[in-house]
């Protein structure tokens, strides 16, 4: 099952009014609409399946109907990544939409920084435009 934050969930990340327990706050932070419940349960200490239901009951997260399809890698990106070289992808800023850019940045932060990128992920989560 895939979970995503609602508008109220994104607001809760700033306000910290409803969720006081650290494990549940970490769970809310890590819910991104891409990772499965099973993956989040395995990767975060101190949470249970009940925590998902609690956050859903507060209106902070919602179930997605199906997992989003992964974006295909850019040509040559896999070979460059496998060789340990930086991936150089031509992006035309006039044609890329914000949601695509935000998703790509989120994946890059998670892949390269892991848990050290939580602060950067929070900034990205709050961003509403490219600027």
C-alpha atoms as a PDB file:
ATOM      1  CA  UNK A   1       0.000   0.000   0.000  1.00  0.00           C
ATOM      2  CA  UNK A   2       1.291   3.462  -0.923  1.00  0.00           C
ATOM      3  CA  UNK A   3       0.557   6.517   1.226  1.00  0.00           C
ATOM      4  CA  UNK A   4       0.793  10.228   0.391  1.00  0.00           C
ATOM      5  CA  UNK A   5       0.589  13.363   2.532  1.00  0.00           C
ATOM      6  CA  UNK A   6      -2.536  15.475   2.316  1.00  0.00           C
ATOM      7  CA  UNK A   7      -2.444  19.279   2.394  1.00  0.00           C
ATOM      8  CA  UNK A   8      -3.123  18.988   6.127  1.00  0.00           C
ATOM      9  CA  UNK A   9      -0.156  16.617   6.453  1.00  0.00           C
ATOM     10  CA  UNK A  10       2.161  19.076   4.732  1.00  0.00           C
ATOM     11  CA  UNK A  11       0.889  21.857   7.005  1.00  0.00           C
ATOM     12  CA  UNK A  12       1.417  19.627  10.065  1.00  0.00           C
ATOM     13  CA  UNK A  13       5.097  19.299   9.182  1.00  0.00           C
ATOM     14  CA  UNK A  14       5.450  23.028   9.883  1.00  0.00           C
ATOM     15  CA  UNK A  15       2.877  23.537  12.627  1.00  0.00           C
ATOM     16  CA  UNK A  16       3.604  20.427  14.725  1.00  0.00           C
ATOM     17  CA  UNK A  17       0.195  20.725  16.373  1.00  0.00           C
ATOM     18  CA  UNK A  18      -1.291  17.224  16.085  1.00  0.00           C
ATOM     19  CA  UNK A  19       1.563  14.716  15.999  1.00  0.00           C
ATOM     20  CA  UNK A  20       3.809  14.918  19.052  1.00  0.00           C
ATOM     21  CA  UNK A  21       5.406  11.458  19.069  1.00  0.00           C
ATOM     22  CA  UNK A  22       8.789  11.379  17.309  1.00  0.00           C
ATOM     23  CA  UNK A  23       8.314   8.045  15.483  1.00  0.00           C
ATOM     24  CA  UNK A  24       4.996   9.229  14.005  1.00  0.00           C
ATOM     25  CA  UNK A  25       6.550  12.579  13.007  1.00  0.00           C
ATOM     26  CA  UNK A  26       9.385  10.705  11.284  1.00  0.00           C
ATOM     27  CA  UNK A  27       6.836   8.535   9.507  1.00  0.00           C
ATOM     28  CA  UNK A  28       4.887  11.583   8.336  1.00  0.00           C
ATOM     29  CA  UNK A  29       8.109  13.119   7.075  1.00  0.00           C
ATOM     30  CA  UNK A  30       9.082   9.994   5.122  1.00  0.00           C
ATOM     31  CA  UNK A  31       5.692   9.418   3.465  1.00  0.00           C
ATOM     32  CA  UNK A  32       6.196  10.584  -0.100  1.00  0.00           C
ATOM     33  CA  UNK A  33       3.617   8.821  -2.259  1.00  0.00           C
ATOM     34  CA  UNK A  34       6.293   6.517  -3.670  1.00  0.00           C
ATOM     35  CA  UNK A  35       7.484   4.141  -0.955  1.00  0.00           C
ATOM     36  CA  UNK A  36       5.260   1.292   0.163  1.00  0.00           C
ATOM     37  CA  UNK A  37       3.996   0.861   3.702  1.00  0.00           C
ATOM     38  CA  UNK A  38       6.116  -2.270   4.006  1.00  0.00           C
ATOM     39  CA  UNK A  39       9.287  -0.408   2.994  1.00  0.00           C
ATOM     40  CA  UNK A  40       8.576   2.395   5.478  1.00  0.00           C
ATOM     41  CA  UNK A  41       7.856  -0.104   8.281  1.00  0.00           C
ATOM     42  CA  UNK A  42      11.162  -1.842   7.569  1.00  0.00           C
ATOM     43  CA  UNK A  43      13.140   1.384   7.350  1.00  0.00           C
ATOM     44  CA  UNK A  44      11.871   3.332  10.359  1.00  0.00           C
ATOM     45  CA  UNK A  45      12.319   2.287  13.961  1.00  0.00           C
ATOM     46  CA  UNK A  46       9.462   2.493  16.433  1.00  0.00           C
ATOM     47  CA  UNK A  47       6.494   2.552  14.039  1.00  0.00           C
ATOM     48  CA  UNK A  48       3.734   0.042  13.433  1.00  0.00           C
ATOM     49  CA  UNK A  49       0.900  -0.371  10.958  1.00  0.00           C
ATOM     50  CA  UNK A  50      -1.329   1.338  13.531  1.00  0.00           C
ATOM     51  CA  UNK A  51       0.688   4.561  13.105  1.00  0.00           C
ATOM     52  CA  UNK A  52      -0.447   4.745   9.473  1.00  0.00           C
ATOM     53  CA  UNK A  53      -4.078   4.413  10.586  1.00  0.00           C
ATOM     54  CA  UNK A  54      -3.567   7.094  13.255  1.00  0.00           C
ATOM     55  CA  UNK A  55      -2.144   9.561  10.715  1.00  0.00           C
ATOM     56  CA  UNK A  56      -4.942   8.687   8.282  1.00  0.00           C
ATOM     57  CA  UNK A  57      -7.539   9.253  11.014  1.00  0.00           C
ATOM     58  CA  UNK A  58      -6.091  12.727  11.603  1.00  0.00           C
ATOM     59  CA  UNK A  59      -6.450  13.450   7.874  1.00  0.00           C
ATOM     60  CA  UNK A  60      -2.684  13.850   7.405  1.00  0.00           C
ATOM     61  CA  UNK A  61      -2.161  11.016   4.911  1.00  0.00           C
ATOM     62  CA  UNK A  62      -4.253   9.218   2.341  1.00  0.00           C
ATOM     63  CA  UNK A  63      -3.939   5.960   0.427  1.00  0.00           C
ATOM     64  CA  UNK A  64      -3.039   6.141  -3.234  1.00  0.00           C
ATOM     65  CA  UNK A  65      -4.997   3.920  -5.574  1.00  0.00           C
ATOM     66  CA  UNK A  66      -1.881   2.480  -7.174  1.00  0.00           C
ATOM     67  CA  UNK A  67       1.821   2.978  -7.036  1.00  0.00           C
ATOM     68  CA  UNK A  68       2.974   5.684  -9.445  1.00  0.00           C
ATOM     69  CA  UNK A  69       4.861   4.390 -12.448  1.00  0.00           C
ATOM     70  CA  UNK A  70       8.579   5.070 -12.187  1.00  0.00           C
ATOM     71  CA  UNK A  71       9.979   7.516 -14.711  1.00  0.00           C
ATOM     72  CA  UNK A  72      12.230   5.920 -17.312  1.00  0.00           C
ATOM     73  CA  UNK A  73      15.923   6.724 -16.835  1.00  0.00           C
ATOM     74  CA  UNK A  74      17.548   9.198 -19.170  1.00  0.00           C
ATOM     75  CA  UNK A  75      19.549   7.625 -22.001  1.00  0.00           C
ATOM     76  CA  UNK A  76      23.005   6.744 -20.740  1.00  0.00           C
ATOM     77  CA  UNK A  77      22.133   7.582 -17.133  1.00  0.00           C
ATOM     78  CA  UNK A  78      22.314   3.962 -15.955  1.00  0.00           C
ATOM     79  CA  UNK A  79      25.756   3.411 -17.473  1.00  0.00           C
ATOM     80  CA  UNK A  80      27.084   6.661 -15.987  1.00  0.00           C
ATOM     81  CA  UNK A  81      25.645   5.873 -12.562  1.00  0.00           C
ATOM     82  CA  UNK A  82      27.056   2.342 -12.656  1.00  0.00           C
ATOM     83  CA  UNK A  83      30.486   3.739 -13.482  1.00  0.00           C
ATOM     84  CA  UNK A  84      30.253   6.142 -10.528  1.00  0.00           C
ATOM     85  CA  UNK A  85      30.243   9.209 -12.763  1.00  0.00           C
ATOM     86  CA  UNK A  86      27.828  12.092 -12.314  1.00  0.00           C
ATOM     87  CA  UNK A  87      24.801  11.872 -14.550  1.00  0.00           C
ATOM     88  CA  UNK A  88      24.560  14.803 -16.954  1.00  0.00           C
ATOM     89  CA  UNK A  89      20.992  15.218 -18.139  1.00  0.00           C
ATOM     90  CA  UNK A  90      19.886  17.994 -20.450  1.00  0.00           C
ATOM     91  CA  UNK A  91      16.800  19.628 -18.955  1.00  0.00           C
ATOM     92  CA  UNK A  92      14.930  22.330 -20.803  1.00  0.00           C
ATOM     93  CA  UNK A  93      13.589  24.499 -17.995  1.00  0.00           C
ATOM     94  CA  UNK A  94      10.838  25.808 -20.253  1.00  0.00           C
ATOM     95  CA  UNK A  95       9.328  22.372 -20.847  1.00  0.00           C
ATOM     96  CA  UNK A  96       9.777  20.563 -17.525  1.00  0.00           C
ATOM     97  CA  UNK A  97       6.908  20.829 -15.079  1.00  0.00           C
ATOM     98  CA  UNK A  98       7.487  21.493 -11.395  1.00  0.00           C
ATOM     99  CA  UNK A  99       6.070  18.159 -10.214  1.00  0.00           C
ATOM    100  CA  UNK A 100       8.549  16.245 -12.394  1.00  0.00           C
ATOM    101  CA  UNK A 101      11.475  18.348 -11.193  1.00  0.00           C
ATOM    102  CA  UNK A 102      10.399  18.025  -7.554  1.00  0.00           C
ATOM    103  CA  UNK A 103      10.088  14.247  -7.881  1.00  0.00           C
ATOM    104  CA  UNK A 104      13.510  13.932  -9.501  1.00  0.00           C
ATOM    105  CA  UNK A 105      15.126  16.075  -6.804  1.00  0.00           C
ATOM    106  CA  UNK A 106      13.412  14.068  -4.055  1.00  0.00           C
ATOM    107  CA  UNK A 107      14.738  10.804  -5.488  1.00  0.00           C
ATOM    108  CA  UNK A 108      18.219  12.259  -5.826  1.00  0.00           C
ATOM    109  CA  UNK A 109      18.215  13.495  -2.217  1.00  0.00           C
ATOM    110  CA  UNK A 110      17.029  10.112  -0.926  1.00  0.00           C
ATOM    111  CA  UNK A 111      19.486   8.141  -3.034  1.00  0.00           C
ATOM    112  CA  UNK A 112      22.555  10.246  -2.387  1.00  0.00           C
ATOM    113  CA  UNK A 113      21.991  11.481   1.182  1.00  0.00           C
ATOM    114  CA  UNK A 114      19.610   8.991   2.762  1.00  0.00           C
ATOM    115  CA  UNK A 115      18.546  10.054   6.251  1.00  0.00           C
ATOM    116  CA  UNK A 116      21.100  12.906   6.227  1.00  0.00           C
ATOM    117  CA  UNK A 117      18.935  14.603   3.599  1.00  0.00           C
ATOM    118  CA  UNK A 118      15.837  14.935   5.805  1.00  0.00           C
ATOM    119  CA  UNK A 119      16.283  18.691   6.210  1.00  0.00           C
ATOM    120  CA  UNK A 120      16.677  19.160   2.486  1.00  0.00           C
ATOM    121  CA  UNK A 121      13.658  16.921   1.867  1.00  0.00           C
ATOM    122  CA  UNK A 122      11.576  19.087   4.182  1.00  0.00           C
ATOM    123  CA  UNK A 123      12.558  22.220   2.248  1.00  0.00           C
ATOM    124  CA  UNK A 124      11.704  20.491  -1.025  1.00  0.00           C
ATOM    125  CA  UNK A 125       8.349  19.334   0.396  1.00  0.00           C
ATOM    126  CA  UNK A 126       7.442  22.927   1.251  1.00  0.00           C
ATOM    127  CA  UNK A 127       8.456  24.318  -2.139  1.00  0.00           C
ATOM    128  CA  UNK A 128       5.572  25.251  -4.395  1.00  0.00           C
ATOM    129  CA  UNK A 129       7.443  26.720  -7.375  1.00  0.00           C
ATOM    130  CA  UNK A 130      10.830  26.259  -9.024  1.00  0.00           C
ATOM    131  CA  UNK A 131      11.928  29.609  -7.580  1.00  0.00           C
END
